[in-house]
């Protein structure tokens, strides 16, 4: 039984060889065993297919606003620094405004714009000087609004700021709160309704081919090739027996 011994040796070499064997060498060594070729070639085709991995998922930063200064209930005098940062992918613009405190439907007066920083990324810091001497002493609310390219808008409210340029300050002003001390608190930013004229994001393109879909097609194609070779091998063996 020399033929069976040589075929067994070839299959053993294929199983224990760690590197890829060129298909031509296999064809040359098993010319008299076409049935073995029919089973080996699909395995080689599947083993040499490139593995398409999905692109790495980039971590997105949720929209948020952090205001370092001023804080709720703080007394303000003269030039006050409005210090904070806006976070989130796709930030387009922001506004700082103030209104009289405690009104159910307040009118907001403009203080300054916030534009995306030159450093790019998903964080924009702002430092704005606010001249409180131009405002009558009293209690006010301050609001920072941030808008994003998908039409979303959030805001952060600092209530009950006390302007005291011409009147005595009642109590000591609270110290600015660091960002680390607020890490465990729930963000107070809330989503505002999207304006009617805000462009809506484009729907997903159904004709776009994703890498996962392409890998699925290749895997199904490889299975189909294996099935075709097996069916062809069975058909060839039956036909060869009929001839005998």
Protein backbone atom coordinates (compact mmCIF):
# COMPACT_ATOMS: atom_id res chain seq x y z
CA UNK A 1 0.00 0.00 0.00
CA UNK A 2 2.60 2.63 -1.02
CA UNK A 3 -0.04 5.14 -2.22
CA UNK A 4 -1.84 5.32 1.12
CA UNK A 5 1.42 5.62 3.03
CA UNK A 6 2.58 8.59 0.92
CA UNK A 7 -0.82 10.31 1.28
CA UNK A 8 -0.76 9.85 5.05
CA UNK A 9 2.73 11.34 5.20
CA UNK A 10 1.59 14.38 3.20
CA UNK A 11 -1.40 14.97 5.49
CA UNK A 12 0.85 14.59 8.55
CA UNK A 13 3.29 17.18 7.18
CA UNK A 14 0.39 19.60 6.58
CA UNK A 15 -0.83 19.24 10.14
CA UNK A 16 2.53 19.66 11.90
CA UNK A 17 4.16 22.27 9.63
CA UNK A 18 3.88 25.68 11.43
CA UNK A 19 4.30 27.82 8.29
CA UNK A 20 2.12 28.09 5.17
CA UNK A 21 2.89 25.53 2.41
CA UNK A 22 2.81 26.76 -1.15
CA UNK A 23 -0.13 25.19 -3.08
CA UNK A 24 2.18 24.31 -6.03
CA UNK A 25 4.31 22.05 -3.82
CA UNK A 26 1.18 20.20 -2.70
CA UNK A 27 -0.05 19.76 -6.28
CA UNK A 28 3.36 18.44 -7.36
CA UNK A 29 3.51 15.88 -4.56
CA UNK A 30 -0.03 14.51 -4.91
CA UNK A 31 -0.57 14.36 -8.67
CA UNK A 32 -2.08 10.93 -8.39
CA UNK A 33 -4.43 11.83 -5.58
CA UNK A 34 -6.90 14.44 -6.94
CA UNK A 35 -9.46 13.66 -4.23
CA UNK A 36 -6.99 14.71 -1.55
CA UNK A 37 -6.37 17.95 -3.45
CA UNK A 38 -10.08 18.72 -3.48
CA UNK A 39 -10.16 18.59 0.32
CA UNK A 40 -6.84 20.37 0.92
CA UNK A 41 -7.30 23.38 -1.37
CA UNK A 42 -10.42 24.78 0.42
CA UNK A 43 -8.57 24.56 3.74
CA UNK A 44 -5.64 26.48 2.27
CA UNK A 45 -7.97 29.10 0.79
CA UNK A 46 -9.70 29.66 4.12
CA UNK A 47 -6.42 29.73 6.07
CA UNK A 48 -4.85 32.34 3.75
CA UNK A 49 -7.82 34.74 3.72
CA UNK A 50 -6.95 38.10 5.27
CA UNK A 51 -8.61 38.68 8.59
CA UNK A 52 -10.49 41.96 8.53
CA UNK A 53 -10.67 43.42 11.97
CA UNK A 54 -13.17 46.12 12.78
CA UNK A 55 -11.66 49.61 13.13
CA UNK A 56 -10.90 50.59 16.71
CA UNK A 57 -13.79 52.32 18.38
CA UNK A 58 -12.85 55.83 19.34
CA UNK A 59 -14.00 56.87 22.78
CA UNK A 60 -16.46 59.74 22.57
CA UNK A 61 -16.70 62.40 25.26
CA UNK A 62 -20.22 63.23 26.41
CA UNK A 63 -21.21 66.91 26.25
CA UNK A 64 -20.78 68.71 29.57
CA UNK A 65 -20.02 72.13 31.02
CA UNK A 66 -17.85 72.82 34.05
CA UNK A 67 -17.71 76.29 35.62
CA UNK A 68 -14.82 76.94 37.97
CA UNK A 69 -15.85 80.46 38.87
CA UNK A 70 -18.15 82.07 39.90
CA UNK A 71 -20.12 79.69 42.10
CA UNK A 72 -23.70 79.74 43.35
CA UNK A 73 -24.39 82.55 45.83
CA UNK A 74 -21.02 84.22 45.30
CA UNK A 75 -20.75 87.99 45.76
CA UNK A 76 -19.21 89.76 42.74
CA UNK A 77 -17.53 93.17 42.55
CA UNK A 78 -15.76 94.99 39.74
CA UNK A 79 -14.12 92.85 37.05
CA UNK A 80 -14.90 89.19 37.68
CA UNK A 81 -13.28 86.29 35.83
CA UNK A 82 -15.70 83.75 34.38
CA UNK A 83 -13.62 80.57 34.21
CA UNK A 84 -14.71 77.18 32.93
CA UNK A 85 -14.61 74.64 30.13
CA UNK A 86 -16.94 72.99 27.64
CA UNK A 87 -16.52 69.32 26.75
CA UNK A 88 -17.91 67.06 24.08
CA UNK A 89 -17.18 66.05 20.49
CA UNK A 90 -18.55 68.38 17.84
CA UNK A 91 -18.74 71.57 19.95
CA UNK A 92 -19.49 74.52 17.63
CA UNK A 93 -20.24 77.56 19.78
CA UNK A 94 -21.39 78.74 23.18
CA UNK A 95 -22.78 81.82 24.93
CA UNK A 96 -22.57 83.29 28.41
CA UNK A 97 -25.53 85.37 29.59
CA UNK A 98 -27.17 86.65 32.76
CA UNK A 99 -30.70 87.45 33.93
CA UNK A 100 -32.48 88.66 37.02
CA UNK A 101 -32.67 85.88 39.61
CA UNK A 102 -35.87 84.08 40.43
CA UNK A 103 -37.93 84.94 37.35
CA UNK A 104 -40.12 82.13 35.90
CA UNK A 105 -39.48 83.23 32.30
CA UNK A 106 -36.26 85.27 32.40
CA UNK A 107 -34.77 87.43 29.68
CA UNK A 108 -31.10 86.63 29.12
CA UNK A 109 -28.60 89.42 28.53
CA UNK A 110 -25.46 88.68 26.54
CA UNK A 111 -22.03 88.63 28.21
CA UNK A 112 -19.67 86.82 25.79
CA UNK A 113 -19.35 84.16 23.09
CA UNK A 114 -17.44 80.90 23.49
CA UNK A 115 -15.71 79.57 20.38
CA UNK A 116 -13.92 76.23 19.89
CA UNK A 117 -10.32 76.46 21.06
CA UNK A 118 -7.35 76.44 18.73
CA UNK A 119 -6.00 73.32 20.44
CA UNK A 120 -8.94 71.34 19.01
CA UNK A 121 -10.05 68.13 20.62
CA UNK A 122 -13.17 67.64 22.67
CA UNK A 123 -12.50 70.33 25.30
CA UNK A 124 -12.68 74.11 25.08
CA UNK A 125 -11.61 76.31 27.97
CA UNK A 126 -12.87 79.85 28.41
CA UNK A 127 -11.82 82.79 30.57
CA UNK A 128 -13.97 85.90 30.25
CA UNK A 129 -13.78 89.15 32.23
CA UNK A 130 -17.20 90.44 33.25
CA UNK A 131 -17.47 94.09 34.28
CA UNK A 132 -20.13 93.99 36.97
CA UNK A 133 -19.94 97.78 37.52
CA UNK A 134 -22.17 98.17 34.46
CA UNK A 135 -24.99 96.34 36.28
CA UNK A 136 -27.20 97.54 39.11
CA UNK A 137 -26.56 95.85 42.43
CA UNK A 138 -28.85 92.88 42.97
CA UNK A 139 -29.15 89.14 42.57
CA UNK A 140 -28.66 87.53 39.16
CA UNK A 141 -28.43 84.15 37.50
CA UNK A 142 -25.71 83.28 34.99
CA UNK A 143 -26.07 80.69 32.22
CA UNK A 144 -23.54 79.04 29.90
CA UNK A 145 -24.99 77.43 26.77
CA UNK A 146 -23.05 75.04 24.49
CA UNK A 147 -24.19 73.95 21.03
CA UNK A 148 -22.96 70.93 19.03
CA UNK A 149 -22.89 70.04 15.35
CA UNK A 150 -25.57 67.34 15.74
CA UNK A 151 -28.12 69.95 16.83
CA UNK A 152 -27.88 69.23 20.57
CA UNK A 153 -27.54 72.04 23.10
CA UNK A 154 -26.83 71.94 26.82
CA UNK A 155 -26.54 74.62 29.48
CA UNK A 156 -25.17 75.10 32.98
CA UNK A 157 -26.88 77.52 35.37
CA UNK A 158 -25.18 79.39 38.22
CA UNK A 159 -27.99 80.88 40.32
CA UNK A 160 -28.17 83.74 42.81
CA UNK A 161 -25.00 85.66 42.00
CA UNK A 162 -24.91 88.79 44.16
CA UNK A 163 -23.62 91.98 42.54
CA UNK A 164 -22.39 94.19 45.36
CA UNK A 165 -20.45 97.13 43.93
CA UNK A 166 -22.30 99.85 45.84
CA UNK A 167 -23.76 97.89 48.74
CA UNK A 168 -22.17 95.89 51.55
CA UNK A 169 -21.58 92.18 51.15
CA UNK A 170 -23.78 90.28 53.61
CA UNK A 171 -21.67 87.14 54.12
CA UNK A 172 -18.34 85.73 53.03
CA UNK A 173 -18.31 84.58 49.41
CA UNK A 174 -17.91 80.83 48.83
CA UNK A 175 -14.52 79.67 47.66
CA UNK A 176 -14.26 78.41 44.06
CA UNK A 177 -14.81 74.69 43.79
CA UNK A 178 -12.20 72.55 42.02
CA UNK A 179 -13.17 70.18 39.25
CA UNK A 180 -11.90 67.16 41.21
CA UNK A 181 -14.31 67.85 44.06
CA UNK A 182 -17.25 67.67 41.64
CA UNK A 183 -16.16 64.45 39.95
CA UNK A 184 -18.65 62.32 41.89
CA UNK A 185 -21.59 64.70 41.49
CA UNK A 186 -24.26 64.28 38.86
CA UNK A 187 -23.89 66.89 36.10
CA UNK A 188 -26.53 69.61 36.19
CA UNK A 189 -26.37 70.30 32.47
CA UNK A 190 -29.64 69.54 30.74
CA UNK A 191 -30.52 69.20 27.09
CA UNK A 192 -32.35 72.09 25.52
CA UNK A 193 -34.89 71.56 22.73
CA UNK A 194 -33.25 71.68 19.33
CA UNK A 195 -34.21 74.86 17.39
CA UNK A 196 -36.46 74.29 14.41
CA UNK A 197 -33.88 75.63 11.94
CA UNK A 198 -31.10 73.35 13.18
CA UNK A 199 -29.98 70.97 10.43
CA UNK A 200 -30.71 67.36 11.26
CA UNK A 201 -27.94 64.75 10.95
CA UNK A 202 -27.85 62.72 7.76
CA UNK A 203 -29.35 59.21 7.99
CA UNK A 204 -26.94 56.26 7.64
CA UNK A 205 -26.12 55.34 4.05
CA UNK A 206 -27.58 51.87 3.32
CA UNK A 207 -25.11 51.39 0.45
CA UNK A 208 -22.08 51.87 2.70
CA UNK A 209 -20.14 48.64 3.20
CA UNK A 210 -18.84 48.09 6.71
CA UNK A 211 -15.77 45.99 7.45
CA UNK A 212 -17.87 43.54 9.46
CA UNK A 213 -20.18 43.00 6.48
CA UNK A 214 -17.19 42.39 4.19
CA UNK A 215 -15.75 39.86 6.61
CA UNK A 216 -19.14 38.11 6.74
CA UNK A 217 -19.21 37.90 2.93
CA UNK A 218 -15.70 36.45 2.83
CA UNK A 219 -16.55 33.87 5.47
CA UNK A 220 -19.72 32.78 3.63
CA UNK A 221 -17.76 32.64 0.37
CA UNK A 222 -15.11 30.44 1.98
CA UNK A 223 -17.76 28.07 3.32
CA UNK A 224 -19.39 27.94 -0.12
CA UNK A 225 -16.02 27.08 -1.70
CA UNK A 226 -15.52 24.24 0.79
CA UNK A 227 -19.00 22.86 0.10
CA UNK A 228 -18.46 23.04 -3.67
CA UNK A 229 -15.15 21.22 -3.45
CA UNK A 230 -16.62 18.50 -1.25
CA UNK A 231 -19.59 18.02 -3.58
CA UNK A 232 -17.25 18.01 -6.57
CA UNK A 233 -15.02 15.44 -4.88
CA UNK A 234 -17.96 13.16 -4.13
CA UNK A 235 -19.26 13.53 -7.70
CA UNK A 236 -15.81 12.79 -9.13
CA UNK A 237 -15.43 9.71 -6.94
CA UNK A 238 -18.85 8.34 -7.95
CA UNK A 239 -18.15 8.98 -11.62
CA UNK A 240 -14.74 7.31 -11.33
CA UNK A 241 -16.33 4.22 -9.78
CA UNK A 242 -18.90 4.03 -12.63
CA UNK A 243 -16.13 4.01 -15.16
CA UNK A 244 -14.49 1.08 -13.43
